[in-house]
Amino acid sequence: MNYLSFITLFLLLLGCSKKEDPTPSKLYFPPNNSSWESTSPESLGWDVNKLVALKTFLEVNNTRAFIILKDGKIVVEEYFGKQFDNVTNFSAASNWYWASAGKTLTSVLAGIAEDEGSLNFDAKTSDYLGVGWTSLTTAQENKITVRHQLTMTTGLDDGVANPDCTTPTCLVFKAEPGTRWAYHNAPYTLLDHVIANSTGKNLNTLLNDNLKSAIGMDGQYIQTGDNNVYYSTARSMARFGLLLLNKGKWNETQVVPIDYVELLSTSSQNLNFSYGYLTWLNGKASFMAPGSQLIIPSAVTPSAPTDMFAAMGKNGQLINIVPSQNLIMIRMGDVPDNSLVPFLFQDDIWEKLNEIIVD
């Protein structure tokens, strides 16, 4: 074989051996109605006896809805307890609040607005809210960007009397933007106005135009005190998780930019590696919890797969996305504990899931 032929063959073999970027295997996407294909736990080889124990655990811990999707199909779907009226049984048609799990939904809407060219993450927040949205000096305020809001690094003081308060008197200087991570609701809540002022659409309109009809999702943002809280059915929460599992693509339609799904599920700064863009990330060496500057030398959910990323809210509102297993776990419910982000409760669920799911 001459030298030229050898080089040609080598390049061909190199091209054939190049690995493709990992993507989810074939996923099922439910139609925009009540139909949704299912798969039995038995057909997957799961331990159904342990599944009974998990359901008991969920019920005694005030769960309202629990769903597991595998490859997009429903494996587990359970409803417990009563609706808000404490009379009507909770069902697939019942709505519940997402709490801070809705932060990931808002993050996705911000990503869509940026992709459309309406919103610039690196622009000053004051470009969208006007000068004086905080009590900082103009020079200090001008250093805060939309990206800082999306990553919990505004430097505003989360230790004020009411960290949900969005008036300028509640928004005071603590540190230079980008130098301190703190789970602070007020700067996040103001993203609603940032997005609305940049796009000319409020969150519900933007959601209706870009997500709801595309993936068959229901629900709406409702102003609750200082916060704008999303309410929907559990199945809509599962649809949103499935969209993120498939990197923003629903069937053949790219609903959310793939680059943004990858961005939100990657460490957004080097202060709290377990936090992306308003999204929690598993598998990191440490994390920080709301209300504390302590760095905890552990993954967010040690019992869960390391590639899991999650939307997590108070009282155990959970969307867990596990790309390596093509799996989505949804939990809605009342208080299992009183933490802003239910780290321990989520880990308890995964301890039990690990006994059920057989690879």
Protein backbone atom coordinates (compact mmCIF):
# COMPACT_ATOMS: atom_id res chain seq x y z
CA MET A 1 0.00 0.00 0.00
CA ASN A 2 1.50 3.39 -0.95
CA TYR A 3 1.62 6.32 1.46
CA LEU A 4 -1.31 8.21 -0.11
CA SER A 5 -3.55 5.15 0.04
CA PHE A 6 -2.60 4.57 3.68
CA ILE A 7 -3.47 8.16 4.65
CA THR A 8 -6.79 7.94 2.78
CA LEU A 9 -7.72 4.70 4.55
CA PHE A 10 -6.69 6.14 7.92
CA LEU A 11 -8.89 9.21 7.45
CA LEU A 12 -11.85 7.05 6.42
CA LEU A 13 -11.47 4.86 9.51
CA LEU A 14 -11.12 7.94 11.71
CA GLY A 15 -14.34 9.37 10.28
CA CYS A 16 -16.20 6.11 10.84
CA SER A 17 -15.05 5.90 14.45
CA LYS A 18 -16.07 9.45 15.35
CA LYS A 19 -18.68 9.39 18.08
CA GLU A 20 -21.92 11.25 17.63
CA ASP A 21 -23.20 13.56 20.37
CA PRO A 22 -25.36 11.51 22.73
CA THR A 23 -29.09 12.07 22.19
CA PRO A 24 -32.09 10.43 23.79
CA SER A 25 -33.18 7.17 22.19
CA LYS A 26 -36.59 7.05 20.54
CA LEU A 27 -39.06 8.94 22.68
CA TYR A 28 -42.84 8.87 22.67
CA PHE A 29 -44.65 12.22 22.64
CA PRO A 30 -48.30 12.25 23.72
CA PRO A 31 -50.87 13.99 21.50
CA ASN A 32 -52.49 17.24 22.63
CA ASN A 33 -55.38 15.50 24.36
CA SER A 34 -55.92 13.15 27.29
CA SER A 35 -54.38 10.15 25.50
CA TRP A 36 -50.98 9.03 26.74
CA GLU A 37 -49.41 5.65 26.11
CA SER A 38 -48.21 3.67 29.10
CA THR A 39 -45.73 0.93 29.90
CA SER A 40 -46.16 -1.42 32.85
CA PRO A 41 -43.48 -1.56 35.55
CA GLU A 42 -43.47 -5.35 35.15
CA SER A 43 -42.51 -5.10 31.47
CA LEU A 44 -39.47 -3.05 32.50
CA GLY A 45 -38.47 -5.56 35.15
CA TRP A 46 -39.14 -3.14 38.00
CA ASP A 47 -39.80 -4.42 41.52
CA VAL A 48 -43.56 -3.87 41.87
CA ASN A 49 -43.56 -4.84 45.56
CA LYS A 50 -41.15 -2.01 46.34
CA LEU A 51 -43.31 0.27 44.20
CA VAL A 52 -46.22 -0.34 46.58
CA ALA A 53 -44.01 0.80 49.47
CA LEU A 54 -43.06 3.96 47.54
CA LYS A 55 -46.72 4.81 46.97
CA THR A 56 -47.39 4.48 50.69
CA PHE A 57 -44.43 6.75 51.45
CA LEU A 58 -45.71 9.35 48.99
CA GLU A 59 -49.23 9.29 50.37
CA VAL A 60 -48.21 9.73 54.01
CA ASN A 61 -45.97 12.63 52.95
CA ASN A 62 -48.86 14.68 51.56
CA THR A 63 -48.28 13.94 47.88
CA ARG A 64 -51.04 14.92 45.45
CA ALA A 65 -49.58 13.68 42.17
CA PHE A 66 -46.69 11.41 41.21
CA ILE A 67 -45.71 10.44 37.66
CA ILE A 68 -42.79 8.52 36.19
CA LEU A 69 -42.18 8.57 32.44
CA LYS A 70 -39.84 6.11 30.74
CA ASP A 71 -39.04 6.86 27.09
CA GLY A 72 -41.95 9.32 27.25
CA LYS A 73 -44.52 6.71 28.27
CA ILE A 74 -46.27 6.62 31.64
CA VAL A 75 -45.01 3.89 33.95
CA VAL A 76 -46.43 5.23 37.20
CA GLU A 77 -49.26 7.73 37.67
CA GLU A 78 -50.82 8.15 41.09
CA TYR A 79 -53.06 10.76 42.70
CA PHE A 80 -53.72 11.20 46.41
CA GLY A 81 -55.64 13.44 48.77
CA LYS A 82 -57.88 16.40 48.06
CA GLN A 83 -57.81 19.51 45.91
CA PHE A 84 -57.53 23.00 47.42
CA ASP A 85 -61.18 22.85 48.54
CA ASN A 86 -60.34 19.86 50.78
CA VAL A 87 -63.44 18.14 49.41
CA THR A 88 -62.81 17.06 45.82
CA ASN A 89 -60.44 14.16 45.21
CA PHE A 90 -57.20 15.11 43.49
CA SER A 91 -57.04 13.74 39.93
CA ALA A 92 -55.30 14.07 36.57
CA ALA A 93 -57.53 17.11 35.92
CA SER A 94 -56.53 18.90 39.14
CA ASN A 95 -54.25 21.93 39.19
CA TRP A 96 -51.47 22.50 41.71
CA TYR A 97 -48.76 25.10 42.21
CA TRP A 98 -45.20 24.62 40.96
CA ALA A 99 -43.65 26.98 43.55
CA SER A 100 -39.96 27.45 42.67
CA ALA A 101 -40.06 24.60 40.17
CA GLY A 102 -41.61 27.31 38.00
CA LYS A 103 -38.25 29.08 37.94
CA THR A 104 -37.06 26.61 35.30
CA LEU A 105 -40.15 27.34 33.20
CA THR A 106 -39.47 31.08 33.44
CA SER A 107 -35.85 30.40 32.51
CA VAL A 108 -37.01 28.63 29.35
CA LEU A 109 -39.23 31.59 28.42
CA ALA A 110 -36.22 33.89 28.89
CA GLY A 111 -34.21 31.60 26.62
CA ILE A 112 -36.90 31.81 23.94
CA ALA A 113 -36.97 35.61 24.24
CA GLU A 114 -33.19 35.76 23.87
CA ASP A 115 -33.26 33.45 20.85
CA GLU A 116 -35.86 35.68 19.20
CA GLY A 117 -33.58 38.67 19.73
CA SER A 118 -35.90 40.50 22.14
CA LEU A 119 -33.80 39.95 25.25
CA ASN A 120 -30.07 40.31 25.83
CA PHE A 121 -28.79 38.38 28.84
CA ASP A 122 -25.70 40.58 29.09
CA ALA A 123 -27.65 43.83 29.03
CA LYS A 124 -28.14 45.83 32.20
CA THR A 125 -31.34 44.92 34.01
CA SER A 126 -32.06 48.66 34.18
CA ASP A 127 -32.34 48.65 30.37
CA TYR A 128 -35.60 46.75 30.88
CA LEU A 129 -36.77 47.96 34.31
CA GLY A 130 -35.52 51.54 34.21
CA VAL A 131 -33.03 53.28 36.47
CA GLY A 132 -33.85 53.05 40.17
CA TRP A 133 -35.31 49.55 40.31
CA THR A 134 -33.03 48.98 43.33
CA SER A 135 -31.83 51.23 46.17
CA LEU A 136 -28.26 50.97 44.85
CA THR A 137 -26.31 53.83 43.34
CA THR A 138 -26.67 54.08 39.58
CA ALA A 139 -23.10 52.85 39.14
CA GLN A 140 -23.77 49.78 41.31
CA GLU A 141 -27.14 49.07 39.71
CA ASN A 142 -25.71 49.26 36.19
CA LYS A 143 -23.44 46.30 36.94
CA ILE A 144 -26.39 43.93 37.41
CA THR A 145 -27.35 42.09 34.22
CA VAL A 146 -30.17 39.78 33.21
CA ARG A 147 -27.68 36.91 33.33
CA HIS A 148 -27.04 37.65 37.01
CA GLN A 149 -30.79 37.35 37.65
CA LEU A 150 -30.92 34.01 35.85
CA THR A 151 -28.02 32.61 37.87
CA MET A 152 -28.79 34.02 41.37
CA THR A 153 -25.67 36.19 41.37
CA THR A 154 -27.05 39.76 41.45
CA GLY A 155 -25.21 40.59 44.67
CA LEU A 156 -28.42 41.95 46.21
CA ASP A 157 -28.96 41.14 49.88
CA ASP A 158 -31.13 38.04 50.37
CA GLY A 159 -31.07 38.61 54.12
CA VAL A 160 -33.57 41.47 54.10
CA ALA A 161 -36.76 41.12 56.16
CA ASN A 162 -38.77 39.99 53.13
CA PRO A 163 -36.63 38.40 50.39
CA ASP A 164 -39.70 38.19 48.13
CA CYS A 165 -40.21 41.98 48.18
CA THR A 166 -39.42 43.61 44.82
CA THR A 167 -39.67 47.29 45.75
CA PRO A 168 -36.41 49.29 45.57
CA THR A 169 -36.20 49.68 49.36
CA CYS A 170 -35.97 45.87 49.67
CA LEU A 171 -33.25 45.55 47.02
CA VAL A 172 -30.03 46.58 48.73
CA PHE A 173 -26.35 46.04 48.02
CA LYS A 174 -24.53 43.06 49.51
CA ALA A 175 -21.74 42.20 47.04
CA GLU A 176 -20.52 42.90 43.54
CA PRO A 177 -22.64 41.08 40.94
CA GLY A 178 -21.17 37.72 39.96
CA THR A 179 -19.14 37.36 43.17
CA ARG A 180 -21.79 35.91 45.51
CA TRP A 181 -24.41 33.21 44.91
CA ALA A 182 -27.63 33.51 46.92
CA TYR A 183 -31.06 32.01 46.39
CA HIS A 184 -33.06 35.24 46.24
CA ASN A 185 -36.64 35.32 45.00
CA ALA A 186 -37.02 39.06 44.40
CA PRO A 187 -34.50 39.47 41.54
CA TYR A 188 -35.92 36.29 40.00
CA THR A 189 -39.50 37.60 40.23
CA LEU A 190 -38.46 40.80 38.47
CA LEU A 191 -37.50 38.69 35.46
CA ASP A 192 -41.25 38.64 34.75
CA HIS A 193 -41.10 42.37 34.02
CA VAL A 194 -37.76 42.09 32.22
CA ILE A 195 -39.23 39.51 29.84
CA ALA A 196 -42.51 41.40 29.43
CA ASN A 197 -40.80 44.72 28.72
CA SER A 198 -38.37 43.16 26.24
CA THR A 199 -40.93 41.11 24.30
CA GLY A 200 -44.11 43.14 24.74
CA LYS A 201 -45.77 39.99 26.13
CA ASN A 202 -46.42 38.89 29.68
CA LEU A 203 -45.35 35.41 30.75
CA ASN A 204 -48.74 33.82 30.09
CA THR A 205 -48.93 35.25 26.57
CA LEU A 206 -45.35 34.20 25.79
CA LEU A 207 -46.11 30.74 27.15
CA ASN A 208 -49.30 30.46 25.09
CA ASP A 209 -47.52 31.54 21.92
CA ASN A 210 -44.47 29.29 22.27
CA LEU A 211 -45.10 26.27 24.50
CA LYS A 212 -48.67 25.45 25.40
CA SER A 213 -50.06 24.53 21.99
CA ALA A 214 -46.73 23.11 20.84
CA ILE A 215 -46.53 20.49 23.58
CA GLY A 216 -50.14 20.27 24.80
CA MET A 217 -49.42 21.97 28.10
CA ASP A 218 -52.04 23.66 30.29
CA GLY A 219 -51.79 26.05 33.24
CA GLN A 220 -51.00 29.68 33.91
CA TYR A 221 -48.97 32.06 36.04
CA ILE A 222 -51.04 33.58 38.86
CA GLN A 223 -49.90 36.48 41.03
CA THR A 224 -49.69 35.22 44.61
CA GLY A 225 -48.47 37.88 47.03
CA ASP A 226 -45.12 39.14 45.78
CA ASN A 227 -44.62 36.06 43.62
CA ASN A 228 -45.87 35.00 40.19
CA VAL A 229 -46.63 31.29 40.65
CA TYR A 230 -47.35 28.74 37.94
CA TYR A 231 -50.28 26.33 38.34
CA SER A 232 -51.03 23.33 36.12
CA THR A 233 -51.92 19.67 36.07
CA ALA A 234 -49.26 17.08 36.85
CA ARG A 235 -49.34 15.83 33.27
CA SER A 236 -48.46 19.31 32.02
CA MET A 237 -45.51 19.30 34.37
CA ALA A 238 -44.52 15.94 32.87
CA ARG A 239 -44.86 17.32 29.32
CA PHE A 240 -42.48 20.14 30.22
CA GLY A 241 -39.99 17.65 31.65
CA LEU A 242 -40.22 15.54 28.50
CA LEU A 243 -39.52 18.62 26.38
CA LEU A 244 -36.33 19.30 28.34
CA LEU A 245 -35.30 15.64 28.21
CA ASN A 246 -35.39 15.86 24.41
CA LYS A 247 -33.30 19.05 24.44
CA GLY A 248 -36.19 21.36 23.68
CA LYS A 249 -37.58 19.35 20.78
CA TRP A 250 -41.16 18.02 20.69
CA ASN A 251 -41.58 15.39 18.01
CA GLU A 252 -39.85 17.09 15.08
CA THR A 253 -40.32 20.68 16.25
CA GLN A 254 -37.57 22.55 18.08
CA VAL A 255 -39.68 24.46 20.61
CA VAL A 256 -36.86 25.67 22.87
CA PRO A 257 -33.38 26.37 21.44
CA ILE A 258 -31.18 23.31 22.02
CA ASP A 259 -28.30 25.56 23.07
CA TYR A 260 -30.42 27.02 25.83
CA VAL A 261 -31.50 23.66 27.23
CA GLU A 262 -27.82 22.72 27.39
CA LEU A 263 -27.03 26.06 29.03
CA LEU A 264 -29.69 25.81 31.74
CA SER A 265 -28.53 22.29 32.62
CA THR A 266 -24.85 23.27 32.97
CA SER A 267 -23.15 25.03 35.90
CA SER A 268 -23.78 28.74 35.37
CA GLN A 269 -21.02 30.08 37.62
CA ASN A 270 -18.18 28.81 39.84
CA LEU A 271 -19.79 29.69 43.17
CA ASN A 272 -22.51 27.04 43.32
CA PHE A 273 -21.66 24.40 40.73
CA SER A 274 -25.00 22.69 41.35
CA TYR A 275 -26.97 25.58 39.88
CA GLY A 276 -27.53 26.26 36.21
CA TYR A 277 -29.96 28.82 34.81
CA LEU A 278 -32.71 28.69 37.46
CA THR A 279 -32.26 24.91 37.46
CA TRP A 280 -30.64 22.51 39.94
CA LEU A 281 -27.93 20.12 38.78
CA ASN A 282 -27.00 16.80 40.33
CA GLY A 283 -23.64 15.06 40.30
CA LYS A 284 -21.49 18.00 41.37
CA ALA A 285 -18.97 17.89 44.21
CA SER A 286 -20.80 20.50 46.29
CA PHE A 287 -23.85 22.72 46.47
CA MET A 288 -25.25 25.71 48.33
CA ALA A 289 -28.73 25.80 49.83
CA PRO A 290 -31.15 28.74 50.11
CA GLY A 291 -30.54 31.07 53.03
CA SER A 292 -26.96 30.00 53.61
CA GLN A 293 -23.48 30.71 52.29
CA LEU A 294 -22.27 27.30 53.47
CA ILE A 295 -20.79 25.10 50.75
CA ILE A 296 -22.07 21.57 51.35
CA PRO A 297 -19.60 18.88 50.14
CA SER A 298 -22.21 16.70 48.48
CA ALA A 299 -24.26 16.37 45.35
CA VAL A 300 -27.76 17.86 45.52
CA THR A 301 -29.33 14.38 45.44
CA PRO A 302 -26.69 11.72 46.17
CA SER A 303 -29.11 8.84 45.56
CA ALA A 304 -30.13 10.05 42.10
CA PRO A 305 -28.25 9.55 38.81
CA THR A 306 -25.40 12.02 38.45
CA ASP A 307 -26.71 13.45 35.17
CA MET A 308 -30.08 14.39 36.62
CA PHE A 309 -31.14 18.02 36.47
CA ALA A 310 -34.21 19.29 38.25
CA ALA A 311 -36.81 21.98 38.76
CA MET A 312 -37.48 22.04 42.49
CA GLY A 313 -39.96 24.00 44.58
CA LYS A 314 -41.14 24.46 48.13
CA ASN A 315 -43.24 21.69 49.64
CA GLY A 316 -41.80 19.15 47.23
CA GLN A 317 -42.82 20.32 43.76
CA LEU A 318 -40.38 18.32 41.61
CA ILE A 319 -39.46 17.79 37.98
CA ASN A 320 -36.50 15.39 37.76
CA ILE A 321 -34.98 14.80 34.33
CA VAL A 322 -32.55 11.89 33.87
CA PRO A 323 -31.13 11.76 30.32
CA SER A 324 -29.11 8.58 30.91
CA GLN A 325 -32.29 6.67 31.71
CA ASN A 326 -34.75 8.56 29.47
CA LEU A 327 -36.70 9.06 32.67
CA ILE A 328 -38.85 11.85 34.10
CA MET A 329 -40.10 11.95 37.69
CA ILE A 330 -42.85 14.39 38.72
CA ARG A 331 -44.12 15.05 42.23
CA MET A 332 -46.72 17.61 43.31
CA GLY A 333 -48.01 17.97 46.83
CA ASP A 334 -48.17 19.61 50.19
CA VAL A 335 -45.42 20.00 52.72
CA PRO A 336 -43.18 16.97 53.44
CA ASP A 337 -40.84 19.43 55.14
CA ASN A 338 -40.71 23.22 55.23
CA SER A 339 -37.59 23.83 53.13
CA LEU A 340 -37.62 26.24 50.19
CA VAL A 341 -35.97 23.52 48.12
CA PRO A 342 -36.77 19.93 49.20
CA PHE A 343 -33.32 18.33 48.91
CA LEU A 344 -33.80 15.66 51.58
CA PHE A 345 -37.28 14.66 50.46
CA GLN A 346 -36.12 14.31 46.86
CA ASP A 347 -33.25 12.09 47.97
CA ASP A 348 -35.65 9.95 50.02
CA ILE A 349 -37.71 9.34 46.87
CA TRP A 350 -34.62 8.34 44.91
CA GLU A 351 -33.47 5.94 47.60
CA LYS A 352 -36.74 4.11 47.11
CA LEU A 353 -36.68 4.41 43.32
CA ASN A 354 -33.26 2.77 43.24
CA GLU A 355 -34.79 -0.30 44.86
CA ILE A 356 -37.55 -0.35 42.23
CA ILE A 357 -35.78 0.44 38.97
CA VAL A 358 -33.79 -2.50 37.65
CA ASP A 359 -31.42 -1.75 34.78
